[in-house]
Amino acid sequence: MKHVITARQLKKSYAGMGQVLKGVDLTVTPGEFVAVMGPSGCGKSTLLHLLGLLHSPDSGSLRMLDTDVLALAADDATMFRRDHVGFILQSNNIFSHTTVYENIEFPLACRAVPRPQRRGLVEAALAAVGLGHKMSAWGNSLSGGEQQRVAIARALVNKPRIVLADEPTGALDNANSRALMESFRHICQRDNVAIVMVTHDSGMARYCHTVYTLEDGVFV
């Protein structure tokens, strides 16, 4: 099976912090749910930023969907990220004074998807997270768990091949956290989407197919 992500010896330093990543190897296959665990400050989020093409490594190689993404020009990297990668953060960043529909429609508008096509895509994304009945609700009327599910739908509406999630359950209670993990597993199985999730919670990592632990800049 072809890998959707192949990272080799990724290294990254920041001024004042020294070397955060010291040679990380990672492979992810289609439909795989991967957790990256480790103590605070170990480089988990840095790794996610490299995989999301938000930062560049100091050295190493990174192929995603058979593309040498480190060789892409800045504009091409932006388009690759827009077309193939979805992001889910602990702070869901939904727009509180717009409707659920408008929140999820936003990435489609950025891609200039024709307006008549958007509704079907938004409806499918909401159905995937069990919120089809909330399409007209205002963002600030939703519970924390519902807001995070809207964030998932927004990440999925462009039908990405890869989803990157940074502590997605950090602000949720146990029941909503478990429901979110079940949604992730279902999405991986149904849509063959690869998910890489950074988490400090071993209970959430149990839902994943593969668990990596990052310590002192390397996987152990």
N, C-alpha and C. Protein backbone atom coordinates (compact mmCIF):
# COMPACT_ATOMS: atom_id res chain seq x y z
N MET A 1 0.84 -1.19 0.00
CA MET A 1 0.00 0.00 0.00
C MET A 1 0.88 1.25 0.00
N LYS A 2 0.57 2.20 -0.86
CA LYS A 2 1.35 3.42 -0.92
C LYS A 2 1.13 4.26 0.33
N HIS A 3 2.18 4.92 0.76
CA HIS A 3 2.07 5.81 1.89
C HIS A 3 1.55 7.17 1.43
N VAL A 4 0.72 7.79 2.26
CA VAL A 4 0.30 9.16 1.96
C VAL A 4 1.29 10.16 2.56
N ILE A 5 2.01 9.74 3.60
CA ILE A 5 3.06 10.55 4.19
C ILE A 5 4.29 9.69 4.40
N THR A 6 5.43 10.18 3.93
CA THR A 6 6.70 9.54 4.22
C THR A 6 7.69 10.63 4.63
N ALA A 7 8.01 10.67 5.91
CA ALA A 7 8.97 11.65 6.43
C ALA A 7 10.23 10.90 6.86
N ARG A 8 11.37 11.48 6.52
CA ARG A 8 12.65 10.86 6.86
C ARG A 8 13.58 11.91 7.47
N GLN A 9 14.00 11.61 8.70
CA GLN A 9 15.03 12.41 9.38
C GLN A 9 14.71 13.91 9.40
N LEU A 10 13.47 14.22 9.74
CA LEU A 10 13.08 15.63 9.85
C LEU A 10 13.73 16.25 11.08
N LYS A 11 14.40 17.38 10.86
CA LYS A 11 15.03 18.12 11.95
C LYS A 11 14.57 19.57 11.88
N LYS A 12 14.37 20.15 13.07
CA LYS A 12 13.91 21.54 13.12
C LYS A 12 14.40 22.21 14.39
N SER A 13 14.98 23.40 14.22
CA SER A 13 15.44 24.22 15.33
C SER A 13 14.75 25.57 15.28
N TYR A 14 14.61 26.18 16.45
CA TYR A 14 14.10 27.54 16.55
C TYR A 14 15.05 28.36 17.40
N ALA A 15 15.19 29.64 17.07
CA ALA A 15 16.04 30.53 17.84
C ALA A 15 15.58 30.57 19.29
N GLY A 16 16.51 30.39 20.20
CA GLY A 16 16.19 30.43 21.61
C GLY A 16 15.67 29.13 22.18
N MET A 17 15.38 28.15 21.30
CA MET A 17 14.85 26.86 21.76
C MET A 17 15.78 25.70 21.45
N GLY A 18 16.73 25.93 20.57
CA GLY A 18 17.59 24.83 20.16
C GLY A 18 16.89 23.90 19.20
N GLN A 19 17.38 22.67 19.11
CA GLN A 19 16.83 21.70 18.18
C GLN A 19 15.62 21.01 18.79
N VAL A 20 14.46 21.24 18.18
CA VAL A 20 13.21 20.68 18.70
C VAL A 20 12.99 19.27 18.17
N LEU A 21 13.19 19.08 16.87
CA LEU A 21 13.13 17.75 16.26
C LEU A 21 14.53 17.36 15.83
N LYS A 22 14.90 16.11 16.15
CA LYS A 22 16.30 15.70 15.98
C LYS A 22 16.46 14.54 15.00
N GLY A 23 15.44 14.33 14.18
CA GLY A 23 15.52 13.25 13.20
C GLY A 23 14.34 12.33 13.29
N VAL A 24 13.17 12.80 12.84
CA VAL A 24 11.92 12.05 12.96
C VAL A 24 11.61 11.33 11.67
N ASP A 25 11.33 10.03 11.78
CA ASP A 25 10.87 9.21 10.66
C ASP A 25 9.40 8.85 10.90
N LEU A 26 8.59 8.99 9.86
CA LEU A 26 7.16 8.72 10.00
C LEU A 26 6.60 8.27 8.67
N THR A 27 5.81 7.20 8.68
CA THR A 27 5.05 6.79 7.49
C THR A 27 3.60 6.61 7.89
N VAL A 28 2.71 7.05 7.01
CA VAL A 28 1.27 6.95 7.25
C VAL A 28 0.61 6.44 5.98
N THR A 29 -0.27 5.46 6.11
CA THR A 29 -0.94 4.87 4.97
C THR A 29 -2.37 5.40 4.86
N PRO A 30 -3.01 5.25 3.69
CA PRO A 30 -4.41 5.68 3.56
C PRO A 30 -5.30 4.98 4.58
N GLY A 31 -6.18 5.73 5.22
CA GLY A 31 -7.10 5.16 6.18
C GLY A 31 -6.51 4.89 7.54
N GLU A 32 -5.27 5.28 7.78
CA GLU A 32 -4.62 5.02 9.07
C GLU A 32 -4.88 6.18 10.02
N PHE A 33 -5.16 5.85 11.27
CA PHE A 33 -5.37 6.83 12.33
C PHE A 33 -4.15 6.76 13.25
N VAL A 34 -3.36 7.82 13.24
CA VAL A 34 -2.07 7.85 13.93
C VAL A 34 -2.12 8.85 15.07
N ALA A 35 -1.62 8.45 16.24
CA ALA A 35 -1.45 9.37 17.36
C ALA A 35 0.03 9.64 17.58
N VAL A 36 0.36 10.89 17.86
CA VAL A 36 1.71 11.27 18.28
C VAL A 36 1.59 11.79 19.70
N MET A 37 2.23 11.09 20.64
CA MET A 37 2.16 11.45 22.04
C MET A 37 3.52 11.95 22.53
N GLY A 38 3.51 12.53 23.72
CA GLY A 38 4.75 12.99 24.32
C GLY A 38 4.50 14.13 25.27
N PRO A 39 5.48 14.43 26.13
CA PRO A 39 5.30 15.50 27.11
C PRO A 39 5.23 16.87 26.44
N SER A 40 4.71 17.84 27.17
CA SER A 40 4.63 19.20 26.66
C SER A 40 6.01 19.70 26.26
N GLY A 41 6.09 20.35 25.10
CA GLY A 41 7.34 20.91 24.63
C GLY A 41 8.27 19.94 23.93
N CYS A 42 7.78 18.71 23.67
CA CYS A 42 8.66 17.71 23.06
C CYS A 42 8.76 17.84 21.55
N GLY A 43 7.91 18.70 20.94
CA GLY A 43 7.98 18.89 19.50
C GLY A 43 6.80 18.34 18.72
N LYS A 44 5.73 17.92 19.43
CA LYS A 44 4.57 17.34 18.74
C LYS A 44 3.95 18.33 17.77
N SER A 45 3.67 19.53 18.26
CA SER A 45 3.04 20.53 17.40
C SER A 45 3.99 20.98 16.28
N THR A 46 5.27 21.03 16.58
CA THR A 46 6.24 21.37 15.53
C THR A 46 6.17 20.36 14.39
N LEU A 47 6.09 19.08 14.74
CA LEU A 47 5.98 18.05 13.71
C LEU A 47 4.71 18.25 12.89
N LEU A 48 3.61 18.55 13.56
CA LEU A 48 2.34 18.76 12.84
C LEU A 48 2.45 19.97 11.90
N HIS A 49 3.14 21.01 12.33
CA HIS A 49 3.33 22.19 11.48
C HIS A 49 4.17 21.85 10.24
N LEU A 50 5.15 20.98 10.40
CA LEU A 50 5.94 20.57 9.24
C LEU A 50 5.08 19.75 8.28
N LEU A 51 4.28 18.82 8.82
CA LEU A 51 3.42 18.01 7.97
C LEU A 51 2.36 18.86 7.27
N GLY A 52 1.95 19.95 7.91
CA GLY A 52 0.96 20.84 7.32
C GLY A 52 1.57 21.90 6.42
N LEU A 53 2.88 21.82 6.20
CA LEU A 53 3.59 22.76 5.32
C LEU A 53 3.46 24.20 5.81
N LEU A 54 3.30 24.35 7.11
CA LEU A 54 3.25 25.69 7.70
C LEU A 54 4.66 26.18 8.01
N HIS A 55 5.56 25.25 8.32
CA HIS A 55 6.97 25.53 8.52
C HIS A 55 7.78 24.57 7.66
N SER A 56 9.04 24.89 7.45
CA SER A 56 9.94 24.02 6.69
C SER A 56 10.98 23.42 7.64
N PRO A 57 11.34 22.16 7.45
CA PRO A 57 12.38 21.58 8.30
C PRO A 57 13.76 22.15 7.94
N ASP A 58 14.69 22.03 8.87
CA ASP A 58 16.07 22.41 8.58
C ASP A 58 16.73 21.39 7.65
N SER A 59 16.34 20.14 7.81
CA SER A 59 16.86 19.07 6.94
C SER A 59 15.91 17.89 7.01
N GLY A 60 16.14 16.94 6.11
CA GLY A 60 15.28 15.78 6.02
C GLY A 60 14.43 15.82 4.77
N SER A 61 13.61 14.81 4.57
CA SER A 61 12.75 14.72 3.39
C SER A 61 11.31 14.48 3.80
N LEU A 62 10.40 14.95 2.96
CA LEU A 62 8.97 14.78 3.24
C LEU A 62 8.22 14.64 1.92
N ARG A 63 7.62 13.46 1.74
CA ARG A 63 6.78 13.22 0.58
C ARG A 63 5.35 13.00 1.07
N MET A 64 4.42 13.65 0.39
CA MET A 64 3.02 13.50 0.71
C MET A 64 2.26 13.30 -0.59
N LEU A 65 1.47 12.22 -0.66
CA LEU A 65 0.71 11.90 -1.87
C LEU A 65 1.61 11.89 -3.09
N ASP A 66 2.76 11.22 -2.96
CA ASP A 66 3.73 11.05 -4.05
C ASP A 66 4.30 12.37 -4.54
N THR A 67 4.29 13.39 -3.70
CA THR A 67 4.83 14.70 -4.06
C THR A 67 5.93 15.07 -3.08
N ASP A 68 7.06 15.53 -3.61
CA ASP A 68 8.13 16.06 -2.77
C ASP A 68 7.71 17.47 -2.36
N VAL A 69 7.00 17.56 -1.23
CA VAL A 69 6.38 18.84 -0.87
C VAL A 69 7.40 19.89 -0.46
N LEU A 70 8.60 19.46 -0.06
CA LEU A 70 9.62 20.44 0.32
C LEU A 70 10.20 21.15 -0.89
N ALA A 71 9.97 20.59 -2.08
CA ALA A 71 10.46 21.22 -3.31
C ALA A 71 9.45 22.18 -3.91
N LEU A 72 8.26 22.26 -3.33
CA LEU A 72 7.22 23.12 -3.89
C LEU A 72 7.52 24.59 -3.59
N ALA A 73 7.22 25.44 -4.56
CA ALA A 73 7.26 26.88 -4.32
C ALA A 73 6.16 27.23 -3.30
N ALA A 74 6.29 28.41 -2.69
CA ALA A 74 5.37 28.79 -1.61
C ALA A 74 3.91 28.75 -2.07
N ASP A 75 3.63 29.28 -3.25
CA ASP A 75 2.24 29.29 -3.73
C ASP A 75 1.74 27.88 -3.99
N ASP A 76 2.61 27.03 -4.54
CA ASP A 76 2.21 25.64 -4.80
C ASP A 76 1.99 24.88 -3.50
N ALA A 77 2.80 25.16 -2.48
CA ALA A 77 2.61 24.52 -1.18
C ALA A 77 1.28 24.93 -0.57
N THR A 78 0.92 26.19 -0.73
CA THR A 78 -0.37 26.68 -0.22
C THR A 78 -1.52 25.96 -0.91
N MET A 79 -1.44 25.79 -2.22
CA MET A 79 -2.50 25.10 -2.96
C MET A 79 -2.56 23.63 -2.59
N PHE A 80 -1.39 23.00 -2.40
CA PHE A 80 -1.36 21.60 -2.00
C PHE A 80 -2.05 21.44 -0.65
N ARG A 81 -1.73 22.30 0.29
CA ARG A 81 -2.34 22.25 1.61
C ARG A 81 -3.84 22.48 1.52
N ARG A 82 -4.25 23.45 0.72
CA ARG A 82 -5.67 23.76 0.56
C ARG A 82 -6.45 22.60 -0.03
N ASP A 83 -5.85 21.92 -0.99
CA ASP A 83 -6.57 20.89 -1.74
C ASP A 83 -6.53 19.51 -1.08
N HIS A 84 -5.53 19.24 -0.25
CA HIS A 84 -5.32 17.87 0.21
C HIS A 84 -5.26 17.69 1.72
N VAL A 85 -5.15 18.78 2.48
CA VAL A 85 -4.93 18.66 3.93
C VAL A 85 -6.01 19.42 4.69
N GLY A 86 -6.59 18.76 5.69
CA GLY A 86 -7.55 19.41 6.57
C GLY A 86 -6.94 19.57 7.96
N PHE A 87 -7.26 20.67 8.64
CA PHE A 87 -6.72 20.96 9.97
C PHE A 87 -7.84 21.01 11.00
N ILE A 88 -7.58 20.40 12.16
CA ILE A 88 -8.50 20.49 13.30
C ILE A 88 -7.66 20.85 14.52
N LEU A 89 -8.00 21.95 15.16
CA LEU A 89 -7.23 22.45 16.29
C LEU A 89 -8.03 22.33 17.58
N GLN A 90 -7.32 22.43 18.72
CA GLN A 90 -8.01 22.39 20.01
C GLN A 90 -8.99 23.54 20.13
N SER A 91 -8.54 24.74 19.75
CA SER A 91 -9.46 25.88 19.67
C SER A 91 -10.09 25.83 18.29
N ASN A 92 -11.37 25.54 18.21
CA ASN A 92 -11.98 25.17 16.94
C ASN A 92 -12.05 26.32 15.94
N ASN A 93 -11.93 27.57 16.42
CA ASN A 93 -11.87 28.72 15.53
C ASN A 93 -13.07 28.84 14.59
N ILE A 94 -14.23 28.35 15.03
CA ILE A 94 -15.39 28.57 14.17
C ILE A 94 -15.86 30.02 14.34
N PHE A 95 -16.55 30.53 13.34
CA PHE A 95 -17.04 31.90 13.37
C PHE A 95 -18.34 31.92 14.16
N SER A 96 -18.34 32.57 15.31
CA SER A 96 -19.47 32.46 16.24
C SER A 96 -20.71 33.20 15.76
N HIS A 97 -20.55 34.23 14.96
CA HIS A 97 -21.70 35.06 14.56
C HIS A 97 -22.13 34.77 13.11
N THR A 98 -21.81 33.58 12.64
CA THR A 98 -22.33 33.11 11.36
C THR A 98 -22.95 31.74 11.58
N THR A 99 -23.69 31.27 10.62
CA THR A 99 -24.36 29.99 10.77
C THR A 99 -23.39 28.84 10.58
N VAL A 100 -23.83 27.66 11.01
CA VAL A 100 -23.03 26.45 10.79
C VAL A 100 -22.77 26.26 9.30
N TYR A 101 -23.79 26.47 8.50
CA TYR A 101 -23.62 26.32 7.04
C TYR A 101 -22.52 27.25 6.54
N GLU A 102 -22.54 28.51 6.95
CA GLU A 102 -21.56 29.48 6.47
C GLU A 102 -20.16 29.14 6.95
N ASN A 103 -20.04 28.60 8.16
CA ASN A 103 -18.75 28.17 8.67
C ASN A 103 -18.13 27.09 7.77
N ILE A 104 -18.94 26.14 7.39
CA ILE A 104 -18.43 25.01 6.62
C ILE A 104 -18.27 25.37 5.15
N GLU A 105 -19.07 26.30 4.69
CA GLU A 105 -18.98 26.74 3.30
C GLU A 105 -17.69 27.52 3.03
N PHE A 106 -17.12 28.13 4.06
CA PHE A 106 -16.01 29.06 3.88
C PHE A 106 -14.84 28.46 3.08
N PRO A 107 -14.35 27.25 3.37
CA PRO A 107 -13.25 26.70 2.57
C PRO A 107 -13.62 26.49 1.10
N LEU A 108 -14.89 26.20 0.83
CA LEU A 108 -15.33 26.02 -0.55
C LEU A 108 -15.30 27.35 -1.30
N ALA A 109 -15.68 28.43 -0.60
CA ALA A 109 -15.61 29.75 -1.21
C ALA A 109 -14.17 30.13 -1.52
N CYS A 110 -13.26 29.76 -0.61
CA CYS A 110 -11.84 30.05 -0.84
C CYS A 110 -11.30 29.33 -2.07
N ARG A 111 -11.88 28.17 -2.36
CA ARG A 111 -11.47 27.41 -3.55
C ARG A 111 -12.27 27.79 -4.78
N ALA A 112 -13.15 28.77 -4.64
CA ALA A 112 -13.99 29.24 -5.75
C ALA A 112 -14.87 28.11 -6.30
N VAL A 113 -15.32 27.22 -5.40
CA VAL A 113 -16.29 26.20 -5.81
C VAL A 113 -17.60 26.92 -6.13
N PRO A 114 -18.22 26.66 -7.28
CA PRO A 114 -19.46 27.35 -7.63
C PRO A 114 -20.52 27.20 -6.54
N ARG A 115 -21.22 28.27 -6.27
CA ARG A 115 -22.20 28.28 -5.17
C ARG A 115 -23.22 27.15 -5.28
N PRO A 116 -23.75 26.81 -6.47
CA PRO A 116 -24.75 25.73 -6.53
C PRO A 116 -24.20 24.38 -6.07
N GLN A 117 -22.88 24.18 -6.16
CA GLN A 117 -22.30 22.90 -5.75
C GLN A 117 -22.01 22.84 -4.26
N ARG A 118 -21.99 23.98 -3.62
CA ARG A 118 -21.53 24.01 -2.23
C ARG A 118 -22.50 23.32 -1.28
N ARG A 119 -23.80 23.50 -1.50
CA ARG A 119 -24.76 23.00 -0.52
C ARG A 119 -24.64 21.49 -0.34
N GLY A 120 -24.53 20.76 -1.43
CA GLY A 120 -24.42 19.31 -1.32
C GLY A 120 -23.17 18.89 -0.56
N LEU A 121 -22.06 19.60 -0.77
CA LEU A 121 -20.82 19.28 -0.07
C LEU A 121 -20.94 19.59 1.42
N VAL A 122 -21.57 20.72 1.75
CA VAL A 122 -21.76 21.09 3.15
C VAL A 122 -22.67 20.08 3.83
N GLU A 123 -23.76 19.70 3.17
CA GLU A 123 -24.69 18.73 3.75
C GLU A 123 -24.00 17.40 4.01
N ALA A 124 -23.17 16.94 3.08
CA ALA A 124 -22.46 15.67 3.27
C ALA A 124 -21.48 15.74 4.43
N ALA A 125 -20.77 16.87 4.56
CA ALA A 125 -19.81 17.03 5.65
C ALA A 125 -20.52 17.05 7.00
N LEU A 126 -21.67 17.73 7.08
CA LEU A 126 -22.43 17.78 8.33
C LEU A 126 -23.01 16.41 8.67
N ALA A 127 -23.49 15.71 7.65
CA ALA A 127 -24.04 14.37 7.91
C ALA A 127 -22.96 13.44 8.47
N ALA A 128 -21.72 13.63 8.03
CA ALA A 128 -20.62 12.76 8.47
C ALA A 128 -20.35 12.91 9.97
N VAL A 129 -20.70 14.07 10.53
CA VAL A 129 -20.46 14.28 11.97
C VAL A 129 -21.78 14.36 12.76
N GLY A 130 -22.89 13.98 12.11
CA GLY A 130 -24.16 13.90 12.80
C GLY A 130 -24.77 15.23 13.17
N LEU A 131 -24.52 16.27 12.37
CA LEU A 131 -25.04 17.60 12.68
C LEU A 131 -25.88 18.18 11.54
N GLY A 132 -26.47 17.33 10.73
CA GLY A 132 -27.28 17.83 9.63
C GLY A 132 -28.43 18.71 10.09
N HIS A 133 -28.92 18.48 11.30
CA HIS A 133 -30.05 19.25 11.82
C HIS A 133 -29.63 20.61 12.35
N LYS A 134 -28.33 20.91 12.37
CA LYS A 134 -27.83 22.17 12.92
C LYS A 134 -27.36 23.14 11.83
N MET A 135 -27.70 22.88 10.59
CA MET A 135 -27.16 23.66 9.49
C MET A 135 -27.44 25.17 9.64
N SER A 136 -28.61 25.52 10.13
CA SER A 136 -29.00 26.93 10.21
C SER A 136 -28.69 27.55 11.57
N ALA A 137 -28.14 26.76 12.50
CA ALA A 137 -27.85 27.29 13.83
C ALA A 137 -26.67 28.26 13.79
N TRP A 138 -26.67 29.22 14.71
CA TRP A 138 -25.55 30.14 14.84
C TRP A 138 -24.40 29.44 15.57
N GLY A 139 -23.20 29.78 15.19
CA GLY A 139 -22.04 29.15 15.81
C GLY A 139 -22.00 29.30 17.31
N ASN A 140 -22.41 30.46 17.83
CA ASN A 140 -22.33 30.70 19.27
C ASN A 140 -23.48 30.05 20.04
N SER A 141 -24.37 29.35 19.35
CA SER A 141 -25.46 28.65 20.04
C SER A 141 -25.12 27.18 20.28
N LEU A 142 -23.98 26.73 19.81
CA LEU A 142 -23.62 25.31 19.89
C LEU A 142 -22.85 25.01 21.18
N SER A 143 -22.95 23.76 21.61
CA SER A 143 -22.13 23.30 22.73
C SER A 143 -20.68 23.15 22.27
N GLY A 144 -19.78 22.96 23.24
CA GLY A 144 -18.38 22.78 22.88
C GLY A 144 -18.16 21.57 21.98
N GLY A 145 -18.84 20.47 22.28
CA GLY A 145 -18.70 19.28 21.45
C GLY A 145 -19.24 19.50 20.05
N GLU A 146 -20.36 20.21 19.95
CA GLU A 146 -20.93 20.50 18.63
C GLU A 146 -20.01 21.42 17.84
N GLN A 147 -19.42 22.41 18.49
CA GLN A 147 -18.49 23.30 17.79
C GLN A 147 -17.30 22.53 17.24
N GLN A 148 -16.80 21.58 18.02
CA GLN A 148 -15.66 20.80 17.54
C GLN A 148 -16.07 19.91 16.37
N ARG A 149 -17.28 19.40 16.38
CA ARG A 149 -17.76 18.60 15.26
C ARG A 149 -17.95 19.46 14.01
N VAL A 150 -18.35 20.72 14.19
CA VAL A 150 -18.40 21.65 13.05
C VAL A 150 -17.00 21.86 12.49
N ALA A 151 -16.02 21.98 13.38
CA ALA A 151 -14.64 22.13 12.92
C ALA A 151 -14.19 20.91 12.11
N ILE A 152 -14.62 19.73 12.52
CA ILE A 152 -14.28 18.52 11.76
C ILE A 152 -14.94 18.58 10.38
N ALA A 153 -16.22 18.94 10.36
CA ALA A 153 -16.93 19.03 9.08
C ALA A 153 -16.25 20.03 8.16
N ARG A 154 -15.82 21.15 8.71
CA ARG A 154 -15.13 22.16 7.89
C ARG A 154 -13.82 21.61 7.35
N ALA A 155 -13.12 20.81 8.16
CA ALA A 155 -11.86 20.22 7.69
C ALA A 155 -12.09 19.17 6.62
N LEU A 156 -13.30 18.56 6.62
CA LEU A 156 -13.59 17.47 5.68
C LEU A 156 -14.27 17.92 4.40
N VAL A 157 -14.80 19.15 4.38
CA VAL A 157 -15.67 19.53 3.28
C VAL A 157 -14.94 19.56 1.94
N ASN A 158 -13.64 19.81 1.95
CA ASN A 158 -12.86 19.79 0.71
C ASN A 158 -12.40 18.38 0.33
N LYS A 159 -12.87 17.38 1.10
CA LYS A 159 -12.51 15.98 0.86
C LYS A 159 -10.99 15.79 0.85
N PRO A 160 -10.31 16.15 1.95
CA PRO A 160 -8.85 16.00 2.00
C PRO A 160 -8.46 14.54 2.10
N ARG A 161 -7.25 14.23 1.68
CA ARG A 161 -6.71 12.89 1.84
C ARG A 161 -6.03 12.74 3.20
N ILE A 162 -5.65 13.87 3.81
CA ILE A 162 -4.92 13.87 5.08
C ILE A 162 -5.58 14.88 6.01
N VAL A 163 -5.79 14.48 7.27
CA VAL A 163 -6.29 15.40 8.29
C VAL A 163 -5.26 15.45 9.42
N LEU A 164 -4.91 16.66 9.84
CA LEU A 164 -3.98 16.88 10.94
C LEU A 164 -4.75 17.49 12.10
N ALA A 165 -4.68 16.85 13.26
CA ALA A 165 -5.46 17.29 14.42
C ALA A 165 -4.53 17.54 15.60
N ASP A 166 -4.57 18.76 16.13
CA ASP A 166 -3.68 19.16 17.23
C ASP A 166 -4.50 19.25 18.52
N GLU A 167 -4.35 18.24 19.40
CA GLU A 167 -5.07 18.18 20.68
C GLU A 167 -6.56 18.46 20.49
N PRO A 168 -7.24 17.74 19.59
CA PRO A 168 -8.63 18.08 19.27
C PRO A 168 -9.61 17.87 20.41
N THR A 169 -9.22 17.06 21.43
CA THR A 169 -10.13 16.80 22.54
C THR A 169 -9.76 17.59 23.78
N GLY A 170 -8.78 18.48 23.68
CA GLY A 170 -8.27 19.17 24.86
C GLY A 170 -9.31 19.97 25.61
N ALA A 171 -10.30 20.51 24.90
CA ALA A 171 -11.31 21.35 25.54
C ALA A 171 -12.64 20.63 25.71
N LEU A 172 -12.67 19.30 25.51
CA LEU A 172 -13.93 18.56 25.56
C LEU A 172 -14.00 17.67 26.80
N ASP A 173 -15.23 17.37 27.23
CA ASP A 173 -15.40 16.42 28.32
C ASP A 173 -15.22 15.00 27.78
N ASN A 174 -15.26 14.03 28.70
CA ASN A 174 -14.96 12.65 28.32
C ASN A 174 -15.94 12.11 27.28
N ALA A 175 -17.22 12.39 27.46
CA ALA A 175 -18.22 11.86 26.54
C ALA A 175 -18.02 12.42 25.13
N ASN A 176 -17.81 13.73 25.03
CA ASN A 176 -17.59 14.33 23.72
C ASN A 176 -16.26 13.90 23.12
N SER A 177 -15.26 13.69 23.96
CA SER A 177 -13.96 13.23 23.46
C SER A 177 -14.09 11.84 22.84
N ARG A 178 -14.80 10.96 23.52
CA ARG A 178 -14.99 9.60 22.97
C ARG A 178 -15.79 9.65 21.68
N ALA A 179 -16.82 10.49 21.64
CA ALA A 179 -17.62 10.61 20.41
C ALA A 179 -16.77 11.12 19.26
N LEU A 180 -15.87 12.07 19.55
CA LEU A 180 -15.00 12.60 18.52
C LEU A 180 -14.06 11.53 17.98
N MET A 181 -13.50 10.72 18.87
CA MET A 181 -12.60 9.65 18.44
C MET A 181 -13.34 8.61 17.60
N GLU A 182 -14.56 8.31 17.97
CA GLU A 182 -15.36 7.38 17.16
C GLU A 182 -15.62 7.96 15.78
N SER A 183 -15.87 9.28 15.72
CA SER A 183 -16.07 9.93 14.42
C SER A 183 -14.81 9.82 13.57
N PHE A 184 -13.66 10.06 14.19
CA PHE A 184 -12.39 9.95 13.45
C PHE A 184 -12.20 8.54 12.89
N ARG A 185 -12.44 7.55 13.73
CA ARG A 185 -12.25 6.16 13.26
C ARG A 185 -13.19 5.84 12.11
N HIS A 186 -14.42 6.32 12.21
CA HIS A 186 -15.40 6.08 11.15
C HIS A 186 -14.96 6.76 9.85
N ILE A 187 -14.47 7.99 9.96
CA ILE A 187 -14.02 8.74 8.77
C ILE A 187 -12.84 8.03 8.11
N CYS A 188 -11.89 7.55 8.91
CA CYS A 188 -10.75 6.81 8.35
C CYS A 188 -11.22 5.60 7.56
N GLN A 189 -12.14 4.83 8.16
CA GLN A 189 -12.61 3.60 7.54
C GLN A 189 -13.46 3.87 6.32
N ARG A 190 -14.37 4.84 6.43
CA ARG A 190 -15.33 5.09 5.35
C ARG A 190 -14.69 5.78 4.16
N ASP A 191 -13.87 6.78 4.43
CA ASP A 191 -13.34 7.63 3.35
C ASP A 191 -11.88 7.40 3.04
N ASN A 192 -11.23 6.45 3.75
CA ASN A 192 -9.81 6.16 3.52
C ASN A 192 -8.93 7.39 3.75
N VAL A 193 -9.37 8.23 4.69
CA VAL A 193 -8.61 9.42 5.05
C VAL A 193 -7.56 9.05 6.10
N ALA A 194 -6.35 9.56 5.95
CA ALA A 194 -5.32 9.38 6.96
C ALA A 194 -5.40 10.54 7.95
N ILE A 195 -5.40 10.22 9.24
CA ILE A 195 -5.45 11.23 10.29
C ILE A 195 -4.22 11.11 11.17
N VAL A 196 -3.53 12.22 11.36
CA VAL A 196 -2.42 12.29 12.31
C VAL A 196 -2.85 13.23 13.43
N MET A 197 -2.92 12.69 14.64
CA MET A 197 -3.43 13.44 15.79
C MET A 197 -2.35 13.58 16.85
N VAL A 198 -2.09 14.79 17.27
CA VAL A 198 -1.23 15.06 18.42
C VAL A 198 -2.10 15.05 19.66
N THR A 199 -1.69 14.30 20.68
CA THR A 199 -2.47 14.24 21.91
C THR A 199 -1.55 13.91 23.09
N HIS A 200 -1.95 14.35 24.28
CA HIS A 200 -1.26 13.96 25.51
C HIS A 200 -2.07 12.91 26.26
N ASP A 201 -3.24 12.56 25.73
CA ASP A 201 -4.21 11.71 26.43
C ASP A 201 -4.10 10.27 25.93
N SER A 202 -3.58 9.39 26.78
CA SER A 202 -3.41 7.99 26.37
C SER A 202 -4.75 7.31 26.13
N GLY A 203 -5.80 7.79 26.79
CA GLY A 203 -7.13 7.22 26.55
C GLY A 203 -7.60 7.48 25.13
N MET A 204 -7.31 8.66 24.60
CA MET A 204 -7.69 8.97 23.22
C MET A 204 -6.80 8.21 22.24
N ALA A 205 -5.54 8.02 22.60
CA ALA A 205 -4.62 7.31 21.70
C ALA A 205 -5.05 5.86 21.48
N ARG A 206 -5.81 5.31 22.43
CA ARG A 206 -6.24 3.91 22.29
C ARG A 206 -7.18 3.71 21.09
N TYR A 207 -7.77 4.79 20.60
CA TYR A 207 -8.65 4.69 19.44
C TYR A 207 -7.85 4.59 18.14
N CYS A 208 -6.56 4.82 18.19
CA CYS A 208 -5.75 4.93 16.97
C CYS A 208 -5.19 3.58 16.55
N HIS A 209 -4.87 3.47 15.26
CA HIS A 209 -4.23 2.27 14.76
C HIS A 209 -2.76 2.20 15.17
N THR A 210 -2.10 3.35 15.18
CA THR A 210 -0.66 3.43 15.45
C THR A 210 -0.40 4.57 16.40
N VAL A 211 0.47 4.34 17.38
CA VAL A 211 0.82 5.38 18.36
C VAL A 211 2.34 5.54 18.38
N TYR A 212 2.79 6.78 18.16
CA TYR A 212 4.20 7.13 18.28
C TYR A 212 4.38 7.98 19.54
N THR A 213 5.50 7.81 20.21
CA THR A 213 5.83 8.66 21.35
C THR A 213 7.07 9.47 21.01
N LEU A 214 6.96 10.79 21.15
CA LEU A 214 8.06 11.70 20.83
C LEU A 214 8.70 12.15 22.13
N GLU A 215 9.99 11.88 22.23
CA GLU A 215 10.77 12.29 23.42
C GLU A 215 12.10 12.83 22.95
N ASP A 216 12.45 13.99 23.47
CA ASP A 216 13.73 14.62 23.17
C ASP A 216 13.99 14.68 21.66
N GLY A 217 12.92 14.99 20.91
CA GLY A 217 13.08 15.25 19.50
C GLY A 217 13.10 14.06 18.58
N VAL A 218 12.90 12.85 19.12
CA VAL A 218 12.89 11.65 18.28
C VAL A 218 11.77 10.72 18.75
N PHE A 219 11.33 9.82 17.88
CA PHE A 219 10.35 8.83 18.27
C PHE A 219 11.04 7.71 19.05
N VAL A 220 10.38 7.27 20.12
CA VAL A 220 10.91 6.15 20.91
C VAL A 220 9.83 5.07 20.99
